């Protein structure tokens, strides 16, 4: 499955070409749905995210015991469950795990939580990774779910002896 990473995260960007900031678009939709309180999962489903839904996930907090309990997992993010990172002796950490690792930070802060990171894949390639998680509440006040999005692109390594000239 490692060869599929290049297809998921090409040399350019993984988000739709209209805007590289998938995370910003999700938070904008979250803020529009909020209207002074936490938006519900139903309200978020009514958002016009188009192709961005491929990179979105939603987790039920109450049912997440030990592992995230997904109520929604975008097509492209589902593929990340088989992409492993280096640094773990048994290589059990996947890109999807990294994307969902901040769900409780969004619960604690009661606000969107951003992550910008450089990750190393188990084959040594580096991935510039961006994600966001945001709280949802069925009643508008008690956080019951988290919505999030993640994307990235493969880093282009430049030989330190070379200078880029524009």
Protein backbone atom coordinates (compact mmCIF):
# COMPACT_ATOMS: atom_id res chain seq x y z
CA UNK A 1 0.00 0.00 0.00
CA UNK A 2 3.02 2.30 0.37
CA UNK A 3 3.15 2.91 -3.37
CA UNK A 4 -0.37 4.33 -3.18
CA UNK A 5 0.85 7.22 -0.98
CA UNK A 6 2.21 9.06 -3.98
CA UNK A 7 -1.23 8.92 -5.55
CA UNK A 8 -2.86 10.22 -2.36
CA UNK A 9 -0.30 12.93 -1.71
CA UNK A 10 1.19 13.91 -5.04
CA UNK A 11 4.08 16.32 -5.44
CA UNK A 12 1.66 19.22 -5.48
CA UNK A 13 -1.27 19.29 -3.08
CA UNK A 14 -3.91 16.89 -1.93
CA UNK A 15 -6.68 19.41 -1.44
CA UNK A 16 -8.81 20.59 -4.36
CA UNK A 17 -7.03 23.14 -6.53
CA UNK A 18 -9.43 25.98 -5.70
CA UNK A 19 -7.85 26.55 -2.29
CA UNK A 20 -4.96 24.81 -0.59
CA UNK A 21 -6.37 25.35 2.89
CA UNK A 22 -8.85 22.53 3.37
CA UNK A 23 -8.55 23.12 7.11
CA UNK A 24 -9.64 26.75 6.71
CA UNK A 25 -12.62 25.81 4.55
CA UNK A 26 -13.80 23.28 7.14
CA UNK A 27 -13.48 25.78 10.00
CA UNK A 28 -15.34 28.40 7.94
CA UNK A 29 -18.19 25.91 7.37
CA UNK A 30 -18.10 25.02 11.10
CA UNK A 31 -18.35 28.72 12.06
CA UNK A 32 -21.26 29.32 9.65
CA UNK A 33 -23.13 26.33 11.09
CA UNK A 34 -22.36 27.32 14.70
CA UNK A 35 -24.54 30.44 14.97
CA UNK A 36 -23.43 31.20 18.55
CA UNK A 37 -23.23 27.60 19.75
CA UNK A 38 -21.49 24.37 18.76
CA UNK A 39 -22.89 23.10 15.47
CA UNK A 40 -24.39 19.63 15.29
CA UNK A 41 -23.23 16.81 13.02
CA UNK A 42 -26.50 17.21 11.11
CA UNK A 43 -25.80 20.92 10.54
CA UNK A 44 -22.31 20.10 9.27
CA UNK A 45 -23.70 17.49 6.87
CA UNK A 46 -25.75 20.26 5.29
CA UNK A 47 -22.56 22.27 4.57
CA UNK A 48 -21.46 22.60 0.98
CA UNK A 49 -18.00 21.07 1.23
CA UNK A 50 -18.06 19.35 -2.17
CA UNK A 51 -14.92 17.28 -2.82
CA UNK A 52 -13.57 18.26 0.61
CA UNK A 53 -15.81 15.56 2.11
CA UNK A 54 -13.20 13.07 0.82
CA UNK A 55 -10.77 14.43 3.43
CA UNK A 56 -13.21 14.85 6.34
CA UNK A 57 -13.92 12.58 9.30
CA UNK A 58 -16.41 12.70 12.17
CA UNK A 59 -16.05 10.86 15.48
CA UNK A 60 -18.59 10.05 18.20
CA UNK A 61 -16.81 10.96 21.47
CA UNK A 62 -18.94 8.80 23.76
CA UNK A 63 -18.38 5.68 21.66
CA UNK A 64 -14.64 6.35 21.25
CA UNK A 65 -13.08 4.08 23.85
CA UNK A 66 -9.42 3.47 23.07
CA UNK A 67 -9.92 4.18 19.37
CA UNK A 68 -11.95 6.78 17.48
CA UNK A 69 -15.47 5.63 16.65
CA UNK A 70 -16.02 7.03 13.17
CA UNK A 71 -19.50 8.05 12.12
CA UNK A 72 -18.06 9.40 8.87
CA UNK A 73 -14.76 8.78 7.11
CA UNK A 74 -14.05 10.40 3.76
CA UNK A 75 -12.93 8.19 0.89
CA UNK A 76 -9.38 9.59 0.72
CA UNK A 77 -8.87 9.51 4.49
CA UNK A 78 -9.99 5.89 4.61
CA UNK A 79 -6.97 5.04 2.48
CA UNK A 80 -4.68 6.60 5.11
CA UNK A 81 -5.50 3.81 7.55
CA UNK A 82 -2.95 1.70 5.69
CA UNK A 83 -0.12 4.26 5.43
CA UNK A 84 2.38 3.77 8.25
CA UNK A 85 4.81 6.24 9.79
CA UNK A 86 8.39 5.50 10.84
CA UNK A 87 9.71 5.76 14.37
CA UNK A 88 7.45 3.13 15.87
CA UNK A 89 9.11 -0.24 16.51
CA UNK A 90 6.06 -2.08 15.22
CA UNK A 91 4.99 0.64 12.76
CA UNK A 92 1.50 0.78 14.19
CA UNK A 93 1.04 4.56 13.82
CA UNK A 94 -0.76 5.45 10.60
CA UNK A 95 -1.52 8.79 8.97
CA UNK A 96 -5.17 8.34 9.93
CA UNK A 97 -4.09 7.87 13.57
CA UNK A 98 -2.14 11.12 13.36
CA UNK A 99 -5.14 12.95 11.86
CA UNK A 100 -7.42 11.80 14.68
CA UNK A 101 -4.91 12.20 17.52
CA UNK A 102 -6.14 15.72 18.31
CA UNK A 103 -9.83 14.96 18.82
CA UNK A 104 -9.61 15.44 22.58
CA UNK A 105 -7.67 18.71 22.18
CA UNK A 106 -10.70 20.13 20.37
CA UNK A 107 -12.97 18.85 23.17
CA UNK A 108 -10.77 20.40 25.88
CA UNK A 109 -10.38 23.76 24.13
CA UNK A 110 -14.00 23.83 22.92
CA UNK A 111 -12.64 25.32 19.70
CA UNK A 112 -10.99 24.20 16.47
CA UNK A 113 -7.52 22.73 16.99
CA UNK A 114 -4.96 22.98 14.17
CA UNK A 115 -1.88 20.82 13.52
CA UNK A 116 0.90 21.52 11.02
CA UNK A 117 3.52 18.80 11.06
CA UNK A 118 6.23 17.13 9.02
CA UNK A 119 5.86 13.37 9.22
CA UNK A 120 8.23 10.67 8.06
CA UNK A 121 6.70 7.74 6.24
CA UNK A 122 8.12 4.27 6.89
CA UNK A 123 9.87 4.38 3.51
CA UNK A 124 11.74 7.56 4.58
CA UNK A 125 9.82 10.12 2.53
CA UNK A 126 8.60 13.20 4.35
CA UNK A 127 5.02 14.41 4.30
CA UNK A 128 3.96 17.98 5.05
CA UNK A 129 0.77 17.32 6.98
CA UNK A 130 -2.03 19.67 8.02
CA UNK A 131 -5.15 18.82 10.03
CA UNK A 132 -7.90 20.42 12.08
CA UNK A 133 -10.43 19.07 14.56
CA UNK A 134 -13.50 20.97 15.79
CA UNK A 135 -16.18 20.20 18.40
CA UNK A 136 -19.80 19.39 17.56
CA UNK A 137 -22.77 19.20 19.94
CA UNK A 138 -26.17 17.72 19.28
CA UNK A 139 -27.73 20.12 21.82
CA UNK A 140 -25.50 23.08 20.93
CA UNK A 141 -23.62 23.12 24.24
CA UNK A 142 -22.29 19.68 25.30
CA UNK A 143 -19.61 18.34 22.94
CA UNK A 144 -20.72 14.95 21.60
CA UNK A 145 -18.81 14.63 18.33
CA UNK A 146 -15.70 15.91 16.59
CA UNK A 147 -15.37 16.82 12.94
CA UNK A 148 -11.97 17.02 11.36
CA UNK A 149 -10.08 17.20 8.11
CA UNK A 150 -6.55 16.34 7.08
CA UNK A 151 -4.43 16.58 3.98
CA UNK A 152 -0.85 17.04 2.96
CA UNK A 153 1.76 16.76 0.28
CA UNK A 154 5.04 14.96 -0.12
CA UNK A 155 8.00 17.17 0.74
CA UNK A 156 10.41 17.95 -2.05
CA UNK A 157 13.91 17.46 -0.70
CA UNK A 158 16.50 19.84 -2.12
CA UNK A 159 20.21 18.99 -2.10
CA UNK A 160 21.77 21.36 0.51
CA UNK A 161 24.60 22.08 -1.95
CA UNK A 162 22.18 23.52 -4.48
CA UNK A 163 20.63 26.96 -4.36
CA UNK A 164 17.20 27.69 -5.74
CA UNK A 165 17.24 30.67 -8.09
CA UNK A 166 14.02 32.40 -9.03
